[in-house]
Amino acid sequence: MSKTVVVVGHGMVGHRFVEALRNRDTENQWQIVIFGEEADAAYDRVGLSSYVGEWDRSSLALSGNDYAGDSTVQVRLGVQVTAIDTAAR
């Protein structure tokens, strides 16, 4: 039986959570859906403060932030979560 976890926010903490869950989920029991309001996948926001003017998105990208080849993870970028309907799941 598959379980689903929804991660709201694809920042550094959300990314690390998904990495940790994937590392522990050796039997692929969890489906993960990530919602991120920004158009960019997880990146080093702390490093962003050292940029003045234009910044190179790829240089700040967190390793594995697109979960390429991992069918248990869906990333939905550019989506703002405004409410959670727990009753409807």
PDB file of N, CA and C in Angstrom:
ATOM      1  N   MET A   1       0.834  -1.181   0.000  1.00  0.00           N
ATOM      2  CA  MET A   1       0.000   0.000   0.000  1.00  0.00           C
ATOM      3  C   MET A   1       0.880   1.246   0.000  1.00  0.00           C
ATOM      4  N   SER A   2       0.578   2.173  -0.864  1.00  0.00           N
ATOM      5  CA  SER A   2       1.338   3.408  -0.989  1.00  0.00           C
ATOM      6  C   SER A   2       0.729   4.498  -0.115  1.00  0.00           C
ATOM      7  N   LYS A   3       1.579   5.309   0.481  1.00  0.00           N
ATOM      8  CA  LYS A   3       1.150   6.455   1.277  1.00  0.00           C
ATOM      9  C   LYS A   3       1.617   7.710   0.549  1.00  0.00           C
ATOM     10  N   THR A   4       0.940   8.818   0.787  1.00  0.00           N
ATOM     11  CA  THR A   4       1.313  10.068   0.146  1.00  0.00           C
ATOM     12  C   THR A   4       1.609  11.118   1.194  1.00  0.00           C
ATOM     13  N   VAL A   5       2.689  11.859   0.970  1.00  0.00           N
ATOM     14  CA  VAL A   5       3.002  13.017   1.800  1.00  0.00           C
ATOM     15  C   VAL A   5       3.073  14.226   0.879  1.00  0.00           C
ATOM     16  N   VAL A   6       2.466  15.319   1.297  1.00  0.00           N
ATOM     17  CA  VAL A   6       2.477  16.558   0.535  1.00  0.00           C
ATOM     18  C   VAL A   6       3.389  17.540   1.254  1.00  0.00           C
ATOM     19  N   VAL A   7       4.324  18.097   0.506  1.00  0.00           N
ATOM     20  CA  VAL A   7       5.256  19.075   1.053  1.00  0.00           C
ATOM     21  C   VAL A   7       4.890  20.428   0.467  1.00  0.00           C
ATOM     22  N   VAL A   8       4.550  21.367   1.341  1.00  0.00           N
ATOM     23  CA  VAL A   8       4.206  22.713   0.901  1.00  0.00           C
ATOM     24  C   VAL A   8       5.434  23.582   1.107  1.00  0.00           C
ATOM     25  N   GLY A   9       6.009  24.005  -0.009  1.00  0.00           N
ATOM     26  CA  GLY A   9       7.226  24.809   0.019  1.00  0.00           C
ATOM     27  C   GLY A   9       8.410  23.992  -0.452  1.00  0.00           C
ATOM     28  N   HIS A  10       9.079  24.486  -1.491  1.00  0.00           N
ATOM     29  CA  HIS A  10      10.235  23.761  -2.006  1.00  0.00           C
ATOM     30  C   HIS A  10      11.495  24.590  -1.783  1.00  0.00           C
ATOM     31  N   GLY A  11      11.664  24.972  -0.543  1.00  0.00           N
ATOM     32  CA  GLY A  11      12.888  25.651  -0.143  1.00  0.00           C
ATOM     33  C   GLY A  11      13.898  24.634   0.351  1.00  0.00           C
ATOM     34  N   MET A  12      14.892  25.126   1.058  1.00  0.00           N
ATOM     35  CA  MET A  12      15.958  24.254   1.535  1.00  0.00           C
ATOM     36  C   MET A  12      15.447  23.209   2.526  1.00  0.00           C
ATOM     37  N   VAL A  13      14.563  23.597   3.428  1.00  0.00           N
ATOM     38  CA  VAL A  13      14.047  22.655   4.429  1.00  0.00           C
ATOM     39  C   VAL A  13      13.179  21.589   3.779  1.00  0.00           C
ATOM     40  N   GLY A  14      12.277  22.004   2.893  1.00  0.00           N
ATOM     41  CA  GLY A  14      11.438  21.033   2.182  1.00  0.00           C
ATOM     42  C   GLY A  14      12.266  20.060   1.373  1.00  0.00           C
ATOM     43  N   HIS A  15      13.295  20.582   0.714  1.00  0.00           N
ATOM     44  CA  HIS A  15      14.179  19.728  -0.095  1.00  0.00           C
ATOM     45  C   HIS A  15      14.904  18.709   0.783  1.00  0.00           C
ATOM     46  N   ARG A  16      15.435  19.153   1.900  1.00  0.00           N
ATOM     47  CA  ARG A  16      16.151  18.235   2.810  1.00  0.00           C
ATOM     48  C   ARG A  16      15.197  17.184   3.391  1.00  0.00           C
ATOM     49  N   PHE A  17      13.958  17.583   3.685  1.00  0.00           N
ATOM     50  CA  PHE A  17      12.968  16.627   4.177  1.00  0.00           C
ATOM     51  C   PHE A  17      12.731  15.523   3.152  1.00  0.00           C
ATOM     52  N   VAL A  18      12.548  15.921   1.881  1.00  0.00           N
ATOM     53  CA  VAL A  18      12.306  14.933   0.833  1.00  0.00           C
ATOM     54  C   VAL A  18      13.520  14.031   0.663  1.00  0.00           C
ATOM     55  N   GLU A  19      14.713  14.591   0.695  1.00  0.00           N
ATOM     56  CA  GLU A  19      15.930  13.769   0.611  1.00  0.00           C
ATOM     57  C   GLU A  19      15.978  12.744   1.740  1.00  0.00           C
ATOM     58  N   ALA A  20      15.686  13.188   2.957  1.00  0.00           N
ATOM     59  CA  ALA A  20      15.727  12.285   4.116  1.00  0.00           C
ATOM     60  C   ALA A  20      14.672  11.192   4.003  1.00  0.00           C
ATOM     61  N   LEU A  21      13.465  11.555   3.584  1.00  0.00           N
ATOM     62  CA  LEU A  21      12.403  10.558   3.426  1.00  0.00           C
ATOM     63  C   LEU A  21      12.776   9.545   2.352  1.00  0.00           C
ATOM     64  N   ARG A  22      13.291  10.018   1.227  1.00  0.00           N
ATOM     65  CA  ARG A  22      13.679   9.102   0.145  1.00  0.00           C
ATOM     66  C   ARG A  22      14.804   8.165   0.595  1.00  0.00           C
ATOM     67  N   ASN A  23      15.745   8.665   1.363  1.00  0.00           N
ATOM     68  CA  ASN A  23      16.839   7.818   1.850  1.00  0.00           C
ATOM     69  C   ASN A  23      16.355   6.734   2.806  1.00  0.00           C
ATOM     70  N   ARG A  24      15.327   7.042   3.580  1.00  0.00           N
ATOM     71  CA  ARG A  24      14.806   6.082   4.566  1.00  0.00           C
ATOM     72  C   ARG A  24      13.747   5.146   3.983  1.00  0.00           C
ATOM     73  N   ASP A  25      13.097   5.566   2.918  1.00  0.00           N
ATOM     74  CA  ASP A  25      11.999   4.802   2.318  1.00  0.00           C
ATOM     75  C   ASP A  25      12.550   3.785   1.311  1.00  0.00           C
ATOM     76  N   THR A  26      13.225   2.780   1.820  1.00  0.00           N
ATOM     77  CA  THR A  26      13.897   1.803   0.957  1.00  0.00           C
ATOM     78  C   THR A  26      12.930   0.923   0.171  1.00  0.00           C
ATOM     79  N   GLU A  27      11.679   0.848   0.614  1.00  0.00           N
ATOM     80  CA  GLU A  27      10.687   0.022  -0.081  1.00  0.00           C
ATOM     81  C   GLU A  27       9.733   0.856  -0.943  1.00  0.00           C
ATOM     82  N   ASN A  28      10.047   2.130  -1.129  1.00  0.00           N
ATOM     83  CA  ASN A  28       9.229   3.033  -1.952  1.00  0.00           C
ATOM     84  C   ASN A  28       7.753   3.005  -1.573  1.00  0.00           C
ATOM     85  N   GLN A  29       7.475   3.110  -0.281  1.00  0.00           N
ATOM     86  CA  GLN A  29       6.100   3.119   0.197  1.00  0.00           C
ATOM     87  C   GLN A  29       5.462   4.500   0.103  1.00  0.00           C
ATOM     88  N   TRP A  30       6.272   5.540  -0.013  1.00  0.00           N
ATOM     89  CA  TRP A  30       5.768   6.914   0.004  1.00  0.00           C
ATOM     90  C   TRP A  30       5.784   7.551  -1.377  1.00  0.00           C
ATOM     91  N   GLN A  31       4.669   8.135  -1.755  1.00  0.00           N
ATOM     92  CA  GLN A  31       4.581   9.024  -2.902  1.00  0.00           C
ATOM     93  C   GLN A  31       4.702  10.435  -2.334  1.00  0.00           C
ATOM     94  N   ILE A  32       5.500  11.279  -2.967  1.00  0.00           N
ATOM     95  CA  ILE A  32       5.743  12.620  -2.456  1.00  0.00           C
ATOM     96  C   ILE A  32       5.315  13.632  -3.512  1.00  0.00           C
ATOM     97  N   VAL A  33       4.512  14.607  -3.084  1.00  0.00           N
ATOM     98  CA  VAL A  33       4.099  15.697  -3.962  1.00  0.00           C
ATOM     99  C   VAL A  33       4.583  16.989  -3.315  1.00  0.00           C
ATOM    100  N   ILE A  34       5.389  17.738  -4.068  1.00  0.00           N
ATOM    101  CA  ILE A  34       5.954  18.987  -3.562  1.00  0.00           C
ATOM    102  C   ILE A  34       5.304  20.147  -4.296  1.00  0.00           C
ATOM    103  N   PHE A  35       4.802  21.120  -3.535  1.00  0.00           N
ATOM    104  CA  PHE A  35       4.267  22.346  -4.109  1.00  0.00           C
ATOM    105  C   PHE A  35       5.212  23.489  -3.767  1.00  0.00           C
ATOM    106  N   GLY A  36       5.617  24.228  -4.788  1.00  0.00           N
ATOM    107  CA  GLY A  36       6.471  25.384  -4.579  1.00  0.00           C
ATOM    108  C   GLY A  36       5.897  26.598  -5.284  1.00  0.00           C
ATOM    109  N   GLU A  37       5.746  27.684  -4.564  1.00  0.00           N
ATOM    110  CA  GLU A  37       5.171  28.894  -5.158  1.00  0.00           C
ATOM    111  C   GLU A  37       6.098  29.509  -6.205  1.00  0.00           C
ATOM    112  N   GLU A  38       7.398  29.398  -5.987  1.00  0.00           N
ATOM    113  CA  GLU A  38       8.344  29.959  -6.947  1.00  0.00           C
ATOM    114  C   GLU A  38       8.430  29.090  -8.197  1.00  0.00           C
ATOM    115  N   ALA A  39       8.899  29.684  -9.268  1.00  0.00           N
ATOM    116  CA  ALA A  39       9.056  28.957 -10.532  1.00  0.00           C
ATOM    117  C   ALA A  39      10.323  28.105 -10.532  1.00  0.00           C
ATOM    118  N   ASP A  40      11.221  28.339  -9.584  1.00  0.00           N
ATOM    119  CA  ASP A  40      12.488  27.614  -9.513  1.00  0.00           C
ATOM    120  C   ASP A  40      12.428  26.521  -8.459  1.00  0.00           C
ATOM    121  N   ALA A  41      13.069  25.399  -8.769  1.00  0.00           N
ATOM    122  CA  ALA A  41      13.198  24.322  -7.777  1.00  0.00           C
ATOM    123  C   ALA A  41      14.131  24.801  -6.664  1.00  0.00           C
ATOM    124  N   ALA A  42      14.223  24.029  -5.601  1.00  0.00           N
ATOM    125  CA  ALA A  42      14.984  24.413  -4.413  1.00  0.00           C
ATOM    126  C   ALA A  42      16.392  24.903  -4.754  1.00  0.00           C
ATOM    127  N   TYR A  43      16.738  26.025  -4.140  1.00  0.00           N
ATOM    128  CA  TYR A  43      18.067  26.595  -4.347  1.00  0.00           C
ATOM    129  C   TYR A  43      18.568  27.178  -3.036  1.00  0.00           C
ATOM    130  N   ASP A  44      19.842  27.494  -3.000  1.00  0.00           N
ATOM    131  CA  ASP A  44      20.490  28.019  -1.803  1.00  0.00           C
ATOM    132  C   ASP A  44      20.126  29.490  -1.628  1.00  0.00           C
ATOM    133  N   ARG A  45      19.096  29.751  -0.865  1.00  0.00           N
ATOM    134  CA  ARG A  45      18.646  31.125  -0.652  1.00  0.00           C
ATOM    135  C   ARG A  45      19.647  31.936   0.168  1.00  0.00           C
ATOM    136  N   VAL A  46      20.391  31.285   1.040  1.00  0.00           N
ATOM    137  CA  VAL A  46      21.419  31.973   1.819  1.00  0.00           C
ATOM    138  C   VAL A  46      22.500  32.491   0.871  1.00  0.00           C
ATOM    139  N   GLY A  47      22.908  31.686  -0.087  1.00  0.00           N
ATOM    140  CA  GLY A  47      23.904  32.092  -1.065  1.00  0.00           C
ATOM    141  C   GLY A  47      23.423  33.215  -1.956  1.00  0.00           C
ATOM    142  N   LEU A  48      22.114  33.330  -2.112  1.00  0.00           N
ATOM    143  CA  LEU A  48      21.536  34.372  -2.951  1.00  0.00           C
ATOM    144  C   LEU A  48      21.902  35.765  -2.442  1.00  0.00           C
ATOM    145  N   SER A  49      22.051  35.903  -1.136  1.00  0.00           N
ATOM    146  CA  SER A  49      22.348  37.224  -0.569  1.00  0.00           C
ATOM    147  C   SER A  49      23.703  37.770  -1.008  1.00  0.00           C
ATOM    148  N   SER A  50      24.593  36.929  -1.505  1.00  0.00           N
ATOM    149  CA  SER A  50      25.902  37.405  -1.953  1.00  0.00           C
ATOM    150  C   SER A  50      25.868  37.948  -3.379  1.00  0.00           C
ATOM    151  N   TYR A  51      24.729  37.807  -4.056  1.00  0.00           N
ATOM    152  CA  TYR A  51      24.605  38.301  -5.431  1.00  0.00           C
ATOM    153  C   TYR A  51      24.087  39.737  -5.432  1.00  0.00           C
ATOM    154  N   VAL A  52      24.626  40.526  -6.303  1.00  0.00           N
ATOM    155  CA  VAL A  52      24.129  41.879  -6.535  1.00  0.00           C
ATOM    156  C   VAL A  52      23.742  41.946  -8.008  1.00  0.00           C
ATOM    157  N   GLY A  53      22.540  42.364  -8.276  1.00  0.00           N
ATOM    158  CA  GLY A  53      22.093  42.401  -9.668  1.00  0.00           C
ATOM    159  C   GLY A  53      21.563  41.047 -10.094  1.00  0.00           C
ATOM    160  N   GLU A  54      22.000  40.564 -11.245  1.00  0.00           N
ATOM    161  CA  GLU A  54      21.520  39.312 -11.809  1.00  0.00           C
ATOM    162  C   GLU A  54      22.259  38.116 -11.209  1.00  0.00           C
ATOM    163  N   TRP A  55      21.561  37.009 -11.019  1.00  0.00           N
ATOM    164  CA  TRP A  55      22.185  35.815 -10.449  1.00  0.00           C
ATOM    165  C   TRP A  55      21.960  34.613 -11.347  1.00  0.00           C
ATOM    166  N   ASP A  56      22.890  33.682 -11.256  1.00  0.00           N
ATOM    167  CA  ASP A  56      22.838  32.460 -12.058  1.00  0.00           C
ATOM    168  C   ASP A  56      22.094  31.389 -11.264  1.00  0.00           C
ATOM    169  N   ARG A  57      20.873  31.089 -11.682  1.00  0.00           N
ATOM    170  CA  ARG A  57      20.026  30.138 -10.953  1.00  0.00           C
ATOM    171  C   ARG A  57      20.676  28.763 -10.814  1.00  0.00           C
ATOM    172  N   SER A  58      21.335  28.316 -11.853  1.00  0.00           N
ATOM    173  CA  SER A  58      21.913  26.968 -11.814  1.00  0.00           C
ATOM    174  C   SER A  58      23.043  26.851 -10.794  1.00  0.00           C
ATOM    175  N   SER A  59      23.744  27.941 -10.528  1.00  0.00           N
ATOM    176  CA  SER A  59      24.860  27.869  -9.574  1.00  0.00           C
ATOM    177  C   SER A  59      24.376  27.748  -8.134  1.00  0.00           C
ATOM    178  N   LEU A  60      23.144  28.129  -7.869  1.00  0.00           N
ATOM    179  CA  LEU A  60      22.587  28.039  -6.518  1.00  0.00           C
ATOM    180  C   LEU A  60      21.653  26.845  -6.331  1.00  0.00           C
ATOM    181  N   ALA A  61      21.373  26.108  -7.399  1.00  0.00           N
ATOM    182  CA  ALA A  61      20.450  24.973  -7.316  1.00  0.00           C
ATOM    183  C   ALA A  61      20.971  23.923  -6.346  1.00  0.00           C
ATOM    184  N   LEU A  62      20.092  23.402  -5.510  1.00  0.00           N
ATOM    185  CA  LEU A  62      20.466  22.325  -4.598  1.00  0.00           C
ATOM    186  C   LEU A  62      20.545  21.023  -5.381  1.00  0.00           C
ATOM    187  N   SER A  63      21.524  20.237  -5.073  1.00  0.00           N
ATOM    188  CA  SER A  63      21.760  18.982  -5.774  1.00  0.00           C
ATOM    189  C   SER A  63      20.520  18.089  -5.733  1.00  0.00           C
ATOM    190  N   GLY A  64      20.100  17.615  -6.898  1.00  0.00           N
ATOM    191  CA  GLY A  64      18.962  16.700  -6.981  1.00  0.00           C
ATOM    192  C   GLY A  64      17.621  17.370  -6.816  1.00  0.00           C
ATOM    193  N   ASN A  65      17.543  18.687  -6.956  1.00  0.00           N
ATOM    194  CA  ASN A  65      16.297  19.403  -6.680  1.00  0.00           C
ATOM    195  C   ASN A  65      15.173  19.131  -7.665  1.00  0.00           C
ATOM    196  N   ASP A  66      15.465  18.460  -8.769  1.00  0.00           N
ATOM    197  CA  ASP A  66      14.402  18.139  -9.727  1.00  0.00           C
ATOM    198  C   ASP A  66      13.933  16.692  -9.611  1.00  0.00           C
ATOM    199  N   TYR A  67      14.633  15.888  -8.810  1.00  0.00           N
ATOM    200  CA  TYR A  67      14.275  14.482  -8.561  1.00  0.00           C
ATOM    201  C   TYR A  67      14.135  13.696  -9.859  1.00  0.00           C
ATOM    202  N   ALA A  68      14.960  14.033 -10.824  1.00  0.00           N
ATOM    203  CA  ALA A  68      14.938  13.361 -12.129  1.00  0.00           C
ATOM    204  C   ALA A  68      15.111  11.856 -11.953  1.00  0.00           C
ATOM    205  N   GLY A  69      14.264  11.107 -12.608  1.00  0.00           N
ATOM    206  CA  GLY A  69      14.341   9.649 -12.553  1.00  0.00           C
ATOM    207  C   GLY A  69      13.714   9.031 -11.321  1.00  0.00           C
ATOM    208  N   ASP A  70      13.151   9.849 -10.433  1.00  0.00           N
ATOM    209  CA  ASP A  70      12.523   9.326  -9.224  1.00  0.00           C
ATOM    210  C   ASP A  70      11.014   9.414  -9.392  1.00  0.00           C
ATOM    211  N   SER A  71      10.398   8.310  -9.737  1.00  0.00           N
ATOM    212  CA  SER A  71       8.962   8.301 -10.039  1.00  0.00           C
ATOM    213  C   SER A  71       8.086   8.471  -8.796  1.00  0.00           C
ATOM    214  N   THR A  72       8.680   8.439  -7.611  1.00  0.00           N
ATOM    215  CA  THR A  72       7.887   8.605  -6.395  1.00  0.00           C
ATOM    216  C   THR A  72       7.730  10.061  -5.990  1.00  0.00           C
ATOM    217  N   VAL A  73       8.421  10.969  -6.702  1.00  0.00           N
ATOM    218  CA  VAL A  73       8.377  12.393  -6.343  1.00  0.00           C
ATOM    219  C   VAL A  73       7.823  13.213  -7.506  1.00  0.00           C
ATOM    220  N   GLN A  74       6.816  14.025  -7.209  1.00  0.00           N
ATOM    221  CA  GLN A  74       6.265  14.982  -8.170  1.00  0.00           C
ATOM    222  C   GLN A  74       6.564  16.382  -7.657  1.00  0.00           C
ATOM    223  N   VAL A  75       7.108  17.240  -8.514  1.00  0.00           N
ATOM    224  CA  VAL A  75       7.374  18.632  -8.145  1.00  0.00           C
ATOM    225  C   VAL A  75       6.439  19.514  -8.955  1.00  0.00           C
ATOM    226  N   ARG A  76       5.661  20.314  -8.261  1.00  0.00           N
ATOM    227  CA  ARG A  76       4.727  21.234  -8.917  1.00  0.00           C
ATOM    228  C   ARG A  76       5.137  22.656  -8.541  1.00  0.00           C
ATOM    229  N   LEU A  77       5.849  23.299  -9.465  1.00  0.00           N
ATOM    230  CA  LEU A  77       6.356  24.642  -9.224  1.00  0.00           C
ATOM    231  C   LEU A  77       5.395  25.698  -9.750  1.00  0.00           C
ATOM    232  N   GLY A  78       5.490  26.886  -9.196  1.00  0.00           N
ATOM    233  CA  GLY A  78       4.619  27.974  -9.615  1.00  0.00           C
ATOM    234  C   GLY A  78       3.190  27.801  -9.117  1.00  0.00           C
ATOM    235  N   VAL A  79       3.041  27.039  -8.031  1.00  0.00           N
ATOM    236  CA  VAL A  79       1.714  26.769  -7.477  1.00  0.00           C
ATOM    237  C   VAL A  79       1.678  27.253  -6.033  1.00  0.00           C
ATOM    238  N   GLN A  80       0.778  28.169  -5.757  1.00  0.00           N
ATOM    239  CA  GLN A  80       0.626  28.693  -4.406  1.00  0.00           C
ATOM    240  C   GLN A  80      -0.434  27.888  -3.661  1.00  0.00           C
ATOM    241  N   VAL A  81      -0.108  27.410  -2.483  1.00  0.00           N
ATOM    242  CA  VAL A  81      -1.072  26.706  -1.642  1.00  0.00           C
ATOM    243  C   VAL A  81      -1.699  27.738  -0.713  1.00  0.00           C
ATOM    244  N   THR A  82      -3.016  27.863  -0.791  1.00  0.00           N
ATOM    245  CA  THR A  82      -3.707  28.860   0.017  1.00  0.00           C
ATOM    246  C   THR A  82      -4.566  28.230   1.112  1.00  0.00           C
ATOM    247  N   ALA A  83      -4.813  26.947   1.013  1.00  0.00           N
ATOM    248  CA  ALA A  83      -5.620  26.255   2.022  1.00  0.00           C
ATOM    249  C   ALA A  83      -5.339  24.762   1.936  1.00  0.00           C
ATOM    250  N   ILE A  84      -5.621  24.076   3.028  1.00  0.00           N
ATOM    251  CA  ILE A  84      -5.480  22.629   3.073  1.00  0.00           C
ATOM    252  C   ILE A  84      -6.800  22.051   3.549  1.00  0.00           C
ATOM    253  N   ASP A  85      -7.397  21.185   2.749  1.00  0.00           N
ATOM    254  CA  ASP A  85      -8.668  20.561   3.093  1.00  0.00           C
ATOM    255  C   ASP A  85      -8.380  19.174   3.664  1.00  0.00           C
ATOM    256  N   THR A  86      -8.187  19.108   4.960  1.00  0.00           N
ATOM    257  CA  THR A  86      -7.842  17.827   5.598  1.00  0.00           C
ATOM    258  C   THR A  86      -8.992  16.829   5.561  1.00  0.00           C
ATOM    259  N   ALA A  87     -10.213  17.323   5.580  1.00  0.00           N
ATOM    260  CA  ALA A  87     -11.370  16.422   5.560  1.00  0.00           C
ATOM    261  C   ALA A  87     -11.449  15.666   4.236  1.00  0.00           C
ATOM    262  N   ALA A  88     -11.147  16.344   3.144  1.00  0.00           N
ATOM    263  CA  ALA A  88     -11.217  15.715   1.823  1.00  0.00           C
ATOM    264  C   ALA A  88      -9.934  14.958   1.491  1.00  0.00           C
ATOM    265  N   ARG A  89      -8.896  15.187   2.281  1.00  0.00           N
ATOM    266  CA  ARG A  89      -7.588  14.548   2.097  1.00  0.00           C
ATOM    267  C   ARG A  89      -7.041  14.869   0.744  1.00  0.00           C
TER     268      ARG A  89
END
